[in-house]
Amino acid sequence: MVGWFHHVSSFVAFGIVPLMAYVVTAGMNDVPEQALFFISCGLTFLMLFVLGVCKSWCTSQSWYASGLEIALFGSFTACVSYMVGWLVDSLVHS
């Protein structure tokens, strides 16, 4: 039961931060969507790095190596996911 709680709480805690760029600016029309997207990407990278640092507490890896590992792998998988979504969208709407 404890493992489930840690999984869900870390998913919520680390997953909500990148969305804050959109939540904080909700209703404001003067913020370009592209700027919000890049802010959200930066916050995602930051939170992936923090998650990697937290992972280093349970491993023998240094905090900065673990942080970079998770941030880079997470960023790579996010880019691949974005490209797959873009490809599917272009196939569906062509």
N, C-alpha and C. Protein backbone atom coordinates (compact mmCIF):
# COMPACT_ATOMS: atom_id res chain seq x y z
N MET A 1 0.82 -1.20 0.00
CA MET A 1 0.00 0.00 0.00
C MET A 1 0.86 1.27 0.00
N VAL A 2 1.99 1.24 0.69
CA VAL A 2 2.87 2.40 0.77
C VAL A 2 3.47 2.70 -0.60
N GLY A 3 3.86 1.66 -1.35
CA GLY A 3 4.42 1.85 -2.68
C GLY A 3 3.45 2.54 -3.62
N TRP A 4 2.20 2.18 -3.54
CA TRP A 4 1.16 2.79 -4.37
C TRP A 4 1.03 4.27 -4.03
N PHE A 5 1.02 4.58 -2.75
CA PHE A 5 0.90 5.97 -2.32
C PHE A 5 2.08 6.81 -2.81
N HIS A 6 3.29 6.27 -2.70
CA HIS A 6 4.46 7.01 -3.17
C HIS A 6 4.41 7.23 -4.67
N HIS A 7 3.95 6.23 -5.39
CA HIS A 7 3.86 6.33 -6.85
C HIS A 7 2.88 7.44 -7.24
N VAL A 8 1.69 7.41 -6.67
CA VAL A 8 0.66 8.38 -7.02
C VAL A 8 1.06 9.78 -6.58
N SER A 9 1.59 9.91 -5.36
CA SER A 9 1.94 11.24 -4.86
C SER A 9 3.10 11.85 -5.67
N SER A 10 4.08 11.05 -6.07
CA SER A 10 5.17 11.60 -6.88
C SER A 10 4.67 11.96 -8.28
N PHE A 11 3.76 11.17 -8.82
CA PHE A 11 3.18 11.48 -10.14
C PHE A 11 2.45 12.82 -10.09
N VAL A 12 1.66 13.03 -9.04
CA VAL A 12 0.91 14.28 -8.91
C VAL A 12 1.86 15.45 -8.64
N ALA A 13 2.77 15.28 -7.70
CA ALA A 13 3.67 16.37 -7.31
C ALA A 13 4.57 16.80 -8.46
N PHE A 14 5.17 15.84 -9.15
CA PHE A 14 6.09 16.19 -10.23
C PHE A 14 5.35 16.51 -11.53
N GLY A 15 4.16 15.99 -11.70
CA GLY A 15 3.42 16.21 -12.93
C GLY A 15 2.64 17.50 -12.97
N ILE A 16 2.34 18.06 -11.81
CA ILE A 16 1.53 19.28 -11.80
C ILE A 16 2.36 20.53 -12.06
N VAL A 17 3.64 20.50 -11.75
CA VAL A 17 4.48 21.69 -11.91
C VAL A 17 4.54 22.19 -13.35
N PRO A 18 4.77 21.32 -14.35
CA PRO A 18 4.80 21.83 -15.73
C PRO A 18 3.47 22.44 -16.19
N LEU A 19 2.38 22.04 -15.57
CA LEU A 19 1.08 22.59 -15.94
C LEU A 19 0.83 23.97 -15.33
N MET A 20 1.65 24.34 -14.36
CA MET A 20 1.43 25.60 -13.67
C MET A 20 1.55 26.81 -14.59
N ALA A 21 2.35 26.71 -15.64
CA ALA A 21 2.45 27.82 -16.59
C ALA A 21 1.09 28.12 -17.21
N TYR A 22 0.31 27.08 -17.45
CA TYR A 22 -1.02 27.26 -18.03
C TYR A 22 -2.04 27.67 -16.98
N VAL A 23 -1.92 27.11 -15.78
CA VAL A 23 -2.88 27.41 -14.71
C VAL A 23 -2.73 28.85 -14.24
N VAL A 24 -1.50 29.30 -14.06
CA VAL A 24 -1.25 30.66 -13.56
C VAL A 24 -1.72 31.70 -14.56
N THR A 25 -1.60 31.42 -15.84
CA THR A 25 -1.96 32.41 -16.87
C THR A 25 -3.35 32.19 -17.46
N ALA A 26 -4.15 31.34 -16.85
CA ALA A 26 -5.50 31.08 -17.36
C ALA A 26 -6.30 32.38 -17.40
N GLY A 27 -6.91 32.64 -18.52
CA GLY A 27 -7.71 33.84 -18.69
C GLY A 27 -6.92 35.05 -19.16
N MET A 28 -5.62 34.94 -19.22
CA MET A 28 -4.80 36.04 -19.71
C MET A 28 -4.56 35.82 -21.20
N ASN A 29 -5.00 36.74 -22.00
CA ASN A 29 -4.91 36.57 -23.46
C ASN A 29 -3.60 37.10 -24.03
N ASP A 30 -2.80 37.80 -23.23
CA ASP A 30 -1.58 38.41 -23.78
C ASP A 30 -0.35 37.51 -23.70
N VAL A 31 -0.51 36.27 -23.23
CA VAL A 31 0.63 35.35 -23.16
C VAL A 31 0.53 34.39 -24.35
N PRO A 32 1.53 34.41 -25.24
CA PRO A 32 1.48 33.52 -26.41
C PRO A 32 1.55 32.05 -26.00
N GLU A 33 0.80 31.22 -26.72
CA GLU A 33 0.79 29.79 -26.42
C GLU A 33 2.17 29.17 -26.58
N GLN A 34 2.93 29.63 -27.55
CA GLN A 34 4.26 29.08 -27.77
C GLN A 34 5.17 29.36 -26.57
N ALA A 35 5.04 30.54 -25.97
CA ALA A 35 5.83 30.86 -24.78
C ALA A 35 5.44 29.94 -23.63
N LEU A 36 4.15 29.71 -23.46
CA LEU A 36 3.69 28.81 -22.40
C LEU A 36 4.22 27.40 -22.62
N PHE A 37 4.24 26.96 -23.87
CA PHE A 37 4.74 25.63 -24.19
C PHE A 37 6.21 25.50 -23.79
N PHE A 38 7.03 26.50 -24.13
CA PHE A 38 8.45 26.43 -23.80
C PHE A 38 8.70 26.56 -22.30
N ILE A 39 7.90 27.36 -21.62
CA ILE A 39 8.00 27.44 -20.16
C ILE A 39 7.66 26.09 -19.55
N SER A 40 6.60 25.47 -20.06
CA SER A 40 6.20 24.15 -19.57
C SER A 40 7.29 23.11 -19.84
N CYS A 41 7.93 23.18 -21.00
CA CYS A 41 9.04 22.26 -21.31
C CYS A 41 10.20 22.45 -20.35
N GLY A 42 10.53 23.70 -20.04
CA GLY A 42 11.60 23.98 -19.10
C GLY A 42 11.28 23.48 -17.70
N LEU A 43 10.04 23.68 -17.27
CA LEU A 43 9.61 23.18 -15.96
C LEU A 43 9.62 21.66 -15.93
N THR A 44 9.27 21.04 -17.04
CA THR A 44 9.32 19.58 -17.11
C THR A 44 10.75 19.09 -16.95
N PHE A 45 11.69 19.71 -17.65
CA PHE A 45 13.09 19.33 -17.54
C PHE A 45 13.58 19.50 -16.10
N LEU A 46 13.21 20.62 -15.49
CA LEU A 46 13.60 20.87 -14.10
C LEU A 46 13.06 19.81 -13.16
N MET A 47 11.80 19.46 -13.32
CA MET A 47 11.20 18.47 -12.42
C MET A 47 11.76 17.07 -12.68
N LEU A 48 12.09 16.76 -13.92
CA LEU A 48 12.75 15.48 -14.20
C LEU A 48 14.12 15.43 -13.53
N PHE A 49 14.83 16.55 -13.54
CA PHE A 49 16.12 16.61 -12.87
C PHE A 49 15.97 16.42 -11.36
N VAL A 50 14.98 17.08 -10.78
CA VAL A 50 14.73 16.92 -9.34
C VAL A 50 14.35 15.48 -9.02
N LEU A 51 13.55 14.87 -9.88
CA LEU A 51 13.19 13.46 -9.67
C LEU A 51 14.43 12.58 -9.72
N GLY A 52 15.35 12.88 -10.63
CA GLY A 52 16.60 12.13 -10.70
C GLY A 52 17.45 12.32 -9.45
N VAL A 53 17.46 13.53 -8.91
CA VAL A 53 18.18 13.78 -7.66
C VAL A 53 17.57 12.94 -6.54
N CYS A 54 16.25 12.89 -6.49
CA CYS A 54 15.57 12.06 -5.48
C CYS A 54 15.92 10.58 -5.67
N LYS A 55 16.04 10.17 -6.92
CA LYS A 55 16.42 8.77 -7.20
C LYS A 55 17.80 8.46 -6.67
N SER A 56 18.69 9.45 -6.69
CA SER A 56 20.07 9.22 -6.23
C SER A 56 20.14 8.89 -4.75
N TRP A 57 19.12 9.24 -3.99
CA TRP A 57 19.10 8.91 -2.58
C TRP A 57 19.00 7.40 -2.36
N CYS A 58 18.48 6.69 -3.37
CA CYS A 58 18.30 5.24 -3.25
C CYS A 58 19.34 4.44 -4.02
N THR A 59 20.26 5.14 -4.68
CA THR A 59 21.29 4.45 -5.48
C THR A 59 22.66 4.97 -5.08
N SER A 60 23.68 4.40 -5.66
CA SER A 60 25.05 4.86 -5.39
C SER A 60 25.50 5.92 -6.38
N GLN A 61 24.62 6.32 -7.28
CA GLN A 61 24.94 7.31 -8.31
C GLN A 61 24.97 8.71 -7.69
N SER A 62 25.83 9.57 -8.20
CA SER A 62 25.89 10.95 -7.70
C SER A 62 24.60 11.68 -8.05
N TRP A 63 24.28 12.71 -7.29
CA TRP A 63 23.01 13.40 -7.48
C TRP A 63 22.93 14.08 -8.84
N TYR A 64 24.04 14.67 -9.31
CA TYR A 64 23.99 15.37 -10.59
C TYR A 64 23.94 14.39 -11.77
N ALA A 65 24.62 13.25 -11.65
CA ALA A 65 24.56 12.25 -12.73
C ALA A 65 23.18 11.64 -12.81
N SER A 66 22.60 11.34 -11.67
CA SER A 66 21.26 10.77 -11.64
C SER A 66 20.23 11.78 -12.15
N GLY A 67 20.39 13.04 -11.74
CA GLY A 67 19.48 14.09 -12.21
C GLY A 67 19.55 14.28 -13.71
N LEU A 68 20.77 14.32 -14.25
CA LEU A 68 20.92 14.47 -15.70
C LEU A 68 20.41 13.25 -16.46
N GLU A 69 20.66 12.07 -15.90
CA GLU A 69 20.19 10.85 -16.56
C GLU A 69 18.67 10.87 -16.73
N ILE A 70 17.96 11.13 -15.65
CA ILE A 70 16.50 11.14 -15.71
C ILE A 70 16.00 12.29 -16.59
N ALA A 71 16.61 13.47 -16.46
CA ALA A 71 16.17 14.62 -17.25
C ALA A 71 16.38 14.39 -18.74
N LEU A 72 17.54 13.82 -19.12
CA LEU A 72 17.80 13.60 -20.54
C LEU A 72 16.96 12.46 -21.12
N PHE A 73 16.85 11.35 -20.38
CA PHE A 73 16.01 10.26 -20.88
C PHE A 73 14.54 10.68 -20.95
N GLY A 74 14.09 11.39 -19.93
CA GLY A 74 12.70 11.87 -19.92
C GLY A 74 12.43 12.86 -21.04
N SER A 75 13.39 13.75 -21.29
CA SER A 75 13.23 14.72 -22.38
C SER A 75 13.21 14.02 -23.73
N PHE A 76 14.07 13.01 -23.88
CA PHE A 76 14.10 12.26 -25.14
C PHE A 76 12.76 11.56 -25.38
N THR A 77 12.24 10.89 -24.36
CA THR A 77 10.96 10.19 -24.53
C THR A 77 9.82 11.17 -24.76
N ALA A 78 9.89 12.35 -24.16
CA ALA A 78 8.85 13.36 -24.40
C ALA A 78 8.91 13.84 -25.85
N CYS A 79 10.11 14.04 -26.38
CA CYS A 79 10.25 14.46 -27.79
C CYS A 79 9.73 13.39 -28.74
N VAL A 80 10.05 12.14 -28.47
CA VAL A 80 9.56 11.05 -29.32
C VAL A 80 8.04 10.99 -29.25
N SER A 81 7.48 11.12 -28.07
CA SER A 81 6.02 11.10 -27.92
C SER A 81 5.38 12.25 -28.67
N TYR A 82 5.98 13.43 -28.59
CA TYR A 82 5.45 14.60 -29.30
C TYR A 82 5.48 14.36 -30.81
N MET A 83 6.58 13.80 -31.31
CA MET A 83 6.70 13.54 -32.74
C MET A 83 5.71 12.48 -33.21
N VAL A 84 5.49 11.44 -32.41
CA VAL A 84 4.51 10.43 -32.77
C VAL A 84 3.12 11.05 -32.83
N GLY A 85 2.79 11.89 -31.85
CA GLY A 85 1.50 12.58 -31.86
C GLY A 85 1.35 13.47 -33.06
N TRP A 86 2.41 14.19 -33.41
CA TRP A 86 2.38 15.06 -34.59
C TRP A 86 2.18 14.24 -35.86
N LEU A 87 2.87 13.08 -35.95
CA LEU A 87 2.75 12.22 -37.12
C LEU A 87 1.34 11.65 -37.25
N VAL A 88 0.79 11.18 -36.15
CA VAL A 88 -0.56 10.63 -36.18
C VAL A 88 -1.56 11.72 -36.57
N ASP A 89 -1.40 12.92 -36.01
CA ASP A 89 -2.28 14.04 -36.36
C ASP A 89 -2.20 14.37 -37.83
N SER A 90 -0.98 14.40 -38.38
CA SER A 90 -0.84 14.71 -39.80
C SER A 90 -1.41 13.61 -40.69
N LEU A 91 -1.35 12.36 -40.26
CA LEU A 91 -1.93 11.28 -41.04
C LEU A 91 -3.45 11.30 -40.98
N VAL A 92 -3.99 11.63 -39.82
CA VAL A 92 -5.45 11.66 -39.66
C VAL A 92 -6.06 12.84 -40.40
N HIS A 93 -5.39 13.97 -40.38
CA HIS A 93 -5.95 15.18 -40.99
C HIS A 93 -5.42 15.46 -42.40
N SER A 94 -4.85 14.47 -43.06
CA SER A 94 -4.36 14.73 -44.42
C SER A 94 -5.35 14.27 -45.46
